PDB file of N, CA and C in Angstrom:
ATOM      1  N   MET A   1       0.817  -1.170   0.000  1.00  0.00           N
ATOM      2  CA  MET A   1       0.000   0.000   0.000  1.00  0.00           C
ATOM      3  C   MET A   1       0.875   1.252   0.000  1.00  0.00           C
ATOM      4  N   ARG A   2       1.983   1.215   0.712  1.00  0.00           N
ATOM      5  CA  ARG A   2       2.854   2.394   0.748  1.00  0.00           C
ATOM      6  C   ARG A   2       3.449   2.687  -0.621  1.00  0.00           C
ATOM      7  N   ALA A   3       3.751   1.641  -1.364  1.00  0.00           N
ATOM      8  CA  ALA A   3       4.291   1.862  -2.712  1.00  0.00           C
ATOM      9  C   ALA A   3       3.242   2.551  -3.583  1.00  0.00           C
ATOM     10  N   GLY A   4       1.989   2.145  -3.461  1.00  0.00           N
ATOM     11  CA  GLY A   4       0.917   2.780  -4.218  1.00  0.00           C
ATOM     12  C   GLY A   4       0.723   4.229  -3.822  1.00  0.00           C
ATOM     13  N   GLN A   5       0.805   4.508  -2.527  1.00  0.00           N
ATOM     14  CA  GLN A   5       0.673   5.887  -2.057  1.00  0.00           C
ATOM     15  C   GLN A   5       1.836   6.751  -2.548  1.00  0.00           C
ATOM     16  N   ALA A   6       3.031   6.183  -2.539  1.00  0.00           N
ATOM     17  CA  ALA A   6       4.203   6.918  -3.017  1.00  0.00           C
ATOM     18  C   ALA A   6       4.067   7.206  -4.510  1.00  0.00           C
ATOM     19  N   LEU A   7       3.597   6.230  -5.275  1.00  0.00           N
ATOM     20  CA  LEU A   7       3.400   6.444  -6.707  1.00  0.00           C
ATOM     21  C   LEU A   7       2.344   7.516  -6.945  1.00  0.00           C
ATOM     22  N   GLU A   8       1.272   7.489  -6.162  1.00  0.00           N
ATOM     23  CA  GLU A   8       0.220   8.494  -6.297  1.00  0.00           C
ATOM     24  C   GLU A   8       0.777   9.895  -6.054  1.00  0.00           C
ATOM     25  N   ARG A   9       1.559  10.061  -5.004  1.00  0.00           N
ATOM     26  CA  ARG A   9       2.137  11.377  -4.695  1.00  0.00           C
ATOM     27  C   ARG A   9       3.099  11.820  -5.788  1.00  0.00           C
ATOM     28  N   PHE A  10       3.892  10.884  -6.280  1.00  0.00           N
ATOM     29  CA  PHE A  10       4.834  11.190  -7.351  1.00  0.00           C
ATOM     30  C   PHE A  10       4.096  11.662  -8.596  1.00  0.00           C
ATOM     31  N   LEU A  11       3.038  10.951  -8.987  1.00  0.00           N
ATOM     32  CA  LEU A  11       2.296  11.306 -10.193  1.00  0.00           C
ATOM     33  C   LEU A  11       1.578  12.645 -10.041  1.00  0.00           C
ATOM     34  N   LEU A  12       1.035  12.910  -8.862  1.00  0.00           N
ATOM     35  CA  LEU A  12       0.372  14.196  -8.632  1.00  0.00           C
ATOM     36  C   LEU A  12       1.381  15.349  -8.683  1.00  0.00           C
ATOM     37  N   LEU A  13       2.544  15.162  -8.080  1.00  0.00           N
ATOM     38  CA  LEU A  13       3.575  16.193  -8.107  1.00  0.00           C
ATOM     39  C   LEU A  13       4.068  16.416  -9.534  1.00  0.00           C
ATOM     40  N   ALA A  14       4.278  15.334 -10.270  1.00  0.00           N
ATOM     41  CA  ALA A  14       4.732  15.455 -11.659  1.00  0.00           C
ATOM     42  C   ALA A  14       3.711  16.234 -12.483  1.00  0.00           C
ATOM     43  N   THR A  15       2.430  15.925 -12.290  1.00  0.00           N
ATOM     44  CA  THR A  15       1.373  16.633 -13.011  1.00  0.00           C
ATOM     45  C   THR A  15       1.362  18.115 -12.634  1.00  0.00           C
ATOM     46  N   ALA A  16       1.517  18.411 -11.359  1.00  0.00           N
ATOM     47  CA  ALA A  16       1.541  19.803 -10.905  1.00  0.00           C
ATOM     48  C   ALA A  16       2.718  20.566 -11.502  1.00  0.00           C
ATOM     49  N   GLU A  17       3.801  19.865 -11.807  1.00  0.00           N
ATOM     50  CA  GLU A  17       4.989  20.497 -12.395  1.00  0.00           C
ATOM     51  C   GLU A  17       4.942  20.540 -13.920  1.00  0.00           C
ATOM     52  N   GLY A  18       3.827  20.073 -14.499  1.00  0.00           N
ATOM     53  CA  GLY A  18       3.669  20.138 -15.946  1.00  0.00           C
ATOM     54  C   GLY A  18       4.247  18.956 -16.704  1.00  0.00           C
ATOM     55  N   LEU A  19       4.578  17.895 -15.997  1.00  0.00           N
ATOM     56  CA  LEU A  19       5.112  16.699 -16.638  1.00  0.00           C
ATOM     57  C   LEU A  19       3.989  15.772 -17.076  1.00  0.00           C
ATOM     58  N   VAL A  20       4.275  14.960 -18.072  1.00  0.00           N
ATOM     59  CA  VAL A  20       3.323  13.981 -18.574  1.00  0.00           C
ATOM     60  C   VAL A  20       3.878  12.596 -18.243  1.00  0.00           C
ATOM     61  N   CYS A  21       3.014  11.696 -17.825  1.00  0.00           N
ATOM     62  CA  CYS A  21       3.454  10.368 -17.415  1.00  0.00           C
ATOM     63  C   CYS A  21       2.595   9.303 -18.073  1.00  0.00           C
ATOM     64  N   SER A  22       3.222   8.210 -18.451  1.00  0.00           N
ATOM     65  CA  SER A  22       2.457   7.059 -18.926  1.00  0.00           C
ATOM     66  C   SER A  22       3.069   5.812 -18.324  1.00  0.00           C
ATOM     67  N   LEU A  23       2.219   4.842 -18.036  1.00  0.00           N
ATOM     68  CA  LEU A  23       2.642   3.586 -17.432  1.00  0.00           C
ATOM     69  C   LEU A  23       2.479   2.475 -18.460  1.00  0.00           C
ATOM     70  N   ALA A  24       3.427   1.568 -18.491  1.00  0.00           N
ATOM     71  CA  ALA A  24       3.354   0.471 -19.448  1.00  0.00           C
ATOM     72  C   ALA A  24       3.751  -0.832 -18.763  1.00  0.00           C
ATOM     73  N   THR A  25       2.982  -1.863 -18.987  1.00  0.00           N
ATOM     74  CA  THR A  25       3.330  -3.192 -18.479  1.00  0.00           C
ATOM     75  C   THR A  25       3.486  -4.194 -19.618  1.00  0.00           C
ATOM     76  N   GLN A  26       2.919  -3.883 -20.779  1.00  0.00           N
ATOM     77  CA  GLN A  26       2.949  -4.823 -21.895  1.00  0.00           C
ATOM     78  C   GLN A  26       4.368  -5.208 -22.334  1.00  0.00           C
ATOM     79  N   PRO A  27       5.326  -4.266 -22.422  1.00  0.00           N
ATOM     80  CA  PRO A  27       6.673  -4.677 -22.825  1.00  0.00           C
ATOM     81  C   PRO A  27       7.304  -5.677 -21.858  1.00  0.00           C
ATOM     82  N   LEU A  28       6.869  -5.655 -20.602  1.00  0.00           N
ATOM     83  CA  LEU A  28       7.460  -6.546 -19.605  1.00  0.00           C
ATOM     84  C   LEU A  28       6.978  -7.984 -19.741  1.00  0.00           C
ATOM     85  N   GLU A  29       6.024  -8.219 -20.612  1.00  0.00           N
ATOM     86  CA  GLU A  29       5.557  -9.578 -20.839  1.00  0.00           C
ATOM     87  C   GLU A  29       6.565 -10.383 -21.644  1.00  0.00           C
ATOM     88  N   ARG A  30       7.501  -9.705 -22.284  1.00  0.00           N
ATOM     89  CA  ARG A  30       8.549 -10.384 -23.049  1.00  0.00           C
ATOM     90  C   ARG A  30       9.793 -10.494 -22.186  1.00  0.00           C
ATOM     91  N   PRO A  31      10.270 -11.705 -21.912  1.00  0.00           N
ATOM     92  CA  PRO A  31      11.437 -11.887 -21.038  1.00  0.00           C
ATOM     93  C   PRO A  31      12.685 -11.130 -21.514  1.00  0.00           C
ATOM     94  N   ASP A  32      12.893 -11.026 -22.817  1.00  0.00           N
ATOM     95  CA  ASP A  32      14.086 -10.327 -23.308  1.00  0.00           C
ATOM     96  C   ASP A  32      14.031  -8.831 -22.993  1.00  0.00           C
ATOM     97  N   LEU A  33      12.849  -8.242 -23.009  1.00  0.00           N
ATOM     98  CA  LEU A  33      12.725  -6.823 -22.652  1.00  0.00           C
ATOM     99  C   LEU A  33      12.769  -6.628 -21.139  1.00  0.00           C
ATOM    100  N   ARG A  34      12.182  -7.549 -20.402  1.00  0.00           N
ATOM    101  CA  ARG A  34      12.192  -7.450 -18.941  1.00  0.00           C
ATOM    102  C   ARG A  34      13.636  -7.477 -18.435  1.00  0.00           C
ATOM    103  N   TRP A  35      14.475  -8.303 -19.060  1.00  0.00           N
ATOM    104  CA  TRP A  35      15.874  -8.413 -18.640  1.00  0.00           C
ATOM    105  C   TRP A  35      16.587  -7.069 -18.772  1.00  0.00           C
ATOM    106  N   LEU A  36      16.266  -6.290 -19.795  1.00  0.00           N
ATOM    107  CA  LEU A  36      16.921  -5.006 -20.016  1.00  0.00           C
ATOM    108  C   LEU A  36      16.617  -3.983 -18.919  1.00  0.00           C
ATOM    109  N   LEU A  37      15.529  -4.168 -18.185  1.00  0.00           N
ATOM    110  CA  LEU A  37      15.145  -3.225 -17.134  1.00  0.00           C
ATOM    111  C   LEU A  37      15.733  -3.566 -15.770  1.00  0.00           C
ATOM    112  N   ARG A  38      16.374  -4.694 -15.657  1.00  0.00           N
ATOM    113  CA  ARG A  38      16.968  -5.083 -14.371  1.00  0.00           C
ATOM    114  C   ARG A  38      18.248  -4.302 -14.113  1.00  0.00           C
ATOM    115  N   ASP A  39      18.762  -4.432 -12.902  1.00  0.00           N
ATOM    116  CA  ASP A  39      20.024  -3.787 -12.523  1.00  0.00           C
ATOM    117  C   ASP A  39      21.117  -4.245 -13.483  1.00  0.00           C
ATOM    118  N   PRO A  40      21.791  -3.306 -14.176  1.00  0.00           N
ATOM    119  CA  PRO A  40      22.776  -3.707 -15.184  1.00  0.00           C
ATOM    120  C   PRO A  40      24.001  -4.422 -14.613  1.00  0.00           C
ATOM    121  N   LYS A  41      24.323  -4.198 -13.351  1.00  0.00           N
ATOM    122  CA  LYS A  41      25.504  -4.840 -12.761  1.00  0.00           C
ATOM    123  C   LYS A  41      25.209  -6.241 -12.253  1.00  0.00           C
ATOM    124  N   THR A  42      24.069  -6.402 -11.587  1.00  0.00           N
ATOM    125  CA  THR A  42      23.796  -7.691 -10.952  1.00  0.00           C
ATOM    126  C   THR A  42      22.706  -8.497 -11.649  1.00  0.00           C
ATOM    127  N   GLY A  43      21.898  -7.840 -12.459  1.00  0.00           N
ATOM    128  CA  GLY A  43      20.779  -8.539 -13.083  1.00  0.00           C
ATOM    129  C   GLY A  43      19.673  -8.859 -12.089  1.00  0.00           C
ATOM    130  N   ALA A  44      19.737  -8.260 -10.912  1.00  0.00           N
ATOM    131  CA  ALA A  44      18.753  -8.545  -9.867  1.00  0.00           C
ATOM    132  C   ALA A  44      17.501  -7.703 -10.068  1.00  0.00           C
ATOM    133  N   GLY A  45      16.426  -8.158  -9.493  1.00  0.00           N
ATOM    134  CA  GLY A  45      15.181  -7.419  -9.495  1.00  0.00           C
ATOM    135  C   GLY A  45      14.136  -8.048 -10.387  1.00  0.00           C
ATOM    136  N   HIS A  46      12.917  -7.653 -10.154  1.00  0.00           N
ATOM    137  CA  HIS A  46      11.778  -8.146 -10.924  1.00  0.00           C
ATOM    138  C   HIS A  46      10.937  -6.947 -11.349  1.00  0.00           C
ATOM    139  N   PRO A  47      11.248  -6.344 -12.495  1.00  0.00           N
ATOM    140  CA  PRO A  47      10.501  -5.160 -12.935  1.00  0.00           C
ATOM    141  C   PRO A  47       9.008  -5.459 -13.057  1.00  0.00           C
ATOM    142  N   GLN A  48       8.194  -4.550 -12.547  1.00  0.00           N
ATOM    143  CA  GLN A  48       6.742  -4.704 -12.576  1.00  0.00           C
ATOM    144  C   GLN A  48       6.075  -3.726 -13.531  1.00  0.00           C
ATOM    145  N   MET A  49       6.723  -2.580 -13.755  1.00  0.00           N
ATOM    146  CA  MET A  49       6.098  -1.530 -14.551  1.00  0.00           C
ATOM    147  C   MET A  49       7.178  -0.654 -15.171  1.00  0.00           C
ATOM    148  N   LEU A  50       6.874  -0.141 -16.333  1.00  0.00           N
ATOM    149  CA  LEU A  50       7.753   0.800 -17.010  1.00  0.00           C
ATOM    150  C   LEU A  50       7.083   2.162 -16.937  1.00  0.00           C
ATOM    151  N   LEU A  51       7.780   3.135 -16.395  1.00  0.00           N
ATOM    152  CA  LEU A  51       7.244   4.478 -16.203  1.00  0.00           C
ATOM    153  C   LEU A  51       7.932   5.429 -17.174  1.00  0.00           C
ATOM    154  N   ARG A  52       7.147   6.107 -17.971  1.00  0.00           N
ATOM    155  CA  ARG A  52       7.673   7.077 -18.936  1.00  0.00           C
ATOM    156  C   ARG A  52       7.270   8.457 -18.457  1.00  0.00           C
ATOM    157  N   LEU A  53       8.235   9.345 -18.318  1.00  0.00           N
ATOM    158  CA  LEU A  53       7.988  10.657 -17.724  1.00  0.00           C
ATOM    159  C   LEU A  53       8.719  11.722 -18.533  1.00  0.00           C
ATOM    160  N   GLY A  54       8.038  12.823 -18.820  1.00  0.00           N
ATOM    161  CA  GLY A  54       8.687  13.905 -19.542  1.00  0.00           C
ATOM    162  C   GLY A  54       7.710  15.013 -19.874  1.00  0.00           C
ATOM    163  N   TYR A  55       8.168  15.941 -20.689  1.00  0.00           N
ATOM    164  CA  TYR A  55       7.313  17.039 -21.119  1.00  0.00           C
ATOM    165  C   TYR A  55       6.710  16.677 -22.461  1.00  0.00           C
ATOM    166  N   GLY A  56       5.464  16.980 -22.636  1.00  0.00           N
ATOM    167  CA  GLY A  56       4.791  16.655 -23.885  1.00  0.00           C
ATOM    168  C   GLY A  56       3.626  17.590 -24.129  1.00  0.00           C
ATOM    169  N   PRO A  57       2.947  17.373 -25.243  1.00  0.00           N
ATOM    170  CA  PRO A  57       1.798  18.231 -25.543  1.00  0.00           C
ATOM    171  C   PRO A  57       0.654  17.983 -24.564  1.00  0.00           C
ATOM    172  N   VAL A  58      -0.117  19.019 -24.340  1.00  0.00           N
ATOM    173  CA  VAL A  58      -1.276  18.898 -23.456  1.00  0.00           C
ATOM    174  C   VAL A  58      -2.357  18.119 -24.194  1.00  0.00           C
ATOM    175  N   GLY A  59      -2.840  17.075 -23.558  1.00  0.00           N
ATOM    176  CA  GLY A  59      -3.876  16.250 -24.166  1.00  0.00           C
ATOM    177  C   GLY A  59      -5.256  16.643 -23.677  1.00  0.00           C
ATOM    178  N   PRO A  60      -6.270  15.977 -24.183  1.00  0.00           N
ATOM    179  CA  PRO A  60      -7.633  16.285 -23.749  1.00  0.00           C
ATOM    180  C   PRO A  60      -7.849  15.843 -22.300  1.00  0.00           C
ATOM    181  N   ARG A  61      -8.748  16.524 -21.625  1.00  0.00           N
ATOM    182  CA  ARG A  61      -9.084  16.149 -20.247  1.00  0.00           C
ATOM    183  C   ARG A  61      -9.830  14.823 -20.246  1.00  0.00           C
ATOM    184  N   THR A  62      -9.704  14.096 -19.171  1.00  0.00           N
ATOM    185  CA  THR A  62     -10.423  12.844 -19.017  1.00  0.00           C
ATOM    186  C   THR A  62     -11.902  13.151 -18.822  1.00  0.00           C
ATOM    187  N   PRO A  63     -12.785  12.516 -19.600  1.00  0.00           N
ATOM    188  CA  PRO A  63     -14.213  12.795 -19.429  1.00  0.00           C
ATOM    189  C   PRO A  63     -14.694  12.336 -18.050  1.00  0.00           C
ATOM    190  N   ARG A  64     -15.557  13.100 -17.471  1.00  0.00           N
ATOM    191  CA  ARG A  64     -16.109  12.790 -16.138  1.00  0.00           C
ATOM    192  C   ARG A  64     -17.612  12.609 -16.236  1.00  0.00           C
ATOM    193  N   ARG A  65     -18.125  11.672 -15.455  1.00  0.00           N
ATOM    194  CA  ARG A  65     -19.563  11.480 -15.399  1.00  0.00           C
ATOM    195  C   ARG A  65     -20.181  12.561 -14.520  1.00  0.00           C
ATOM    196  N   PRO A  66     -21.417  12.934 -14.803  1.00  0.00           N
ATOM    197  CA  PRO A  66     -22.089  13.905 -13.934  1.00  0.00           C
ATOM    198  C   PRO A  66     -22.229  13.349 -12.509  1.00  0.00           C
ATOM    199  N   VAL A  67     -22.156  14.233 -11.518  1.00  0.00           N
ATOM    200  CA  VAL A  67     -22.251  13.818 -10.125  1.00  0.00           C
ATOM    201  C   VAL A  67     -23.554  13.053  -9.868  1.00  0.00           C
ATOM    202  N   ALA A  68     -24.614  13.479 -10.481  1.00  0.00           N
ATOM    203  CA  ALA A  68     -25.923  12.823 -10.276  1.00  0.00           C
ATOM    204  C   ALA A  68     -25.912  11.354 -10.717  1.00  0.00           C
ATOM    205  N   ASP A  69     -25.014  10.992 -11.620  1.00  0.00           N
ATOM    206  CA  ASP A  69     -24.924   9.591 -12.063  1.00  0.00           C
ATOM    207  C   ASP A  69     -24.252   8.692 -11.043  1.00  0.00           C
ATOM    208  N   VAL A  70     -23.463   9.262 -10.145  1.00  0.00           N
ATOM    209  CA  VAL A  70     -22.697   8.441  -9.214  1.00  0.00           C
ATOM    210  C   VAL A  70     -23.012   8.701  -7.728  1.00  0.00           C
ATOM    211  N   LEU A  71     -23.804   9.717  -7.472  1.00  0.00           N
ATOM    212  CA  LEU A  71     -24.095  10.076  -6.082  1.00  0.00           C
ATOM    213  C   LEU A  71     -25.610  10.195  -5.896  1.00  0.00           C
ATOM    214  N   GLU A  72     -26.087   9.507  -4.904  1.00  0.00           N
ATOM    215  CA  GLU A  72     -27.509   9.585  -4.578  1.00  0.00           C
ATOM    216  C   GLU A  72     -27.658  10.187  -3.202  1.00  0.00           C
ATOM    217  N   LEU A  73     -28.356  11.325  -3.103  1.00  0.00           N
ATOM    218  CA  LEU A  73     -28.554  11.976  -1.824  1.00  0.00           C
ATOM    219  C   LEU A  73     -29.850  11.505  -1.196  1.00  0.00           C
ATOM    220  N   ARG A  74     -29.762  11.106   0.053  1.00  0.00           N
ATOM    221  CA  ARG A  74     -30.959  10.678   0.810  1.00  0.00           C
ATOM    222  C   ARG A  74     -31.090  11.545   2.040  1.00  0.00           C
ATOM    223  N   SER A  75     -32.320  11.825   2.417  1.00  0.00           N
ATOM    224  CA  SER A  75     -32.519  12.632   3.620  1.00  0.00           C
ATOM    225  C   SER A  75     -32.868  11.786   4.811  1.00  0.00           C
TER     226      SER A  75
END
């Protein structure tokens, strides 16, 4: 859970600083590509995700559902 919280804070800070981030797991399904992401000296580790971070063009906002579709107020 702490790793997830740390990733969340990192992504929010990156967004606030104008950075763009994308996560990829598909390349890691190939053992030859997964090997390239391990520690180059020891070959240790088990990569779980590839994180791409940098400056890029501003994309469209994520569409949001209306509040009334997801929230029901009861008295």
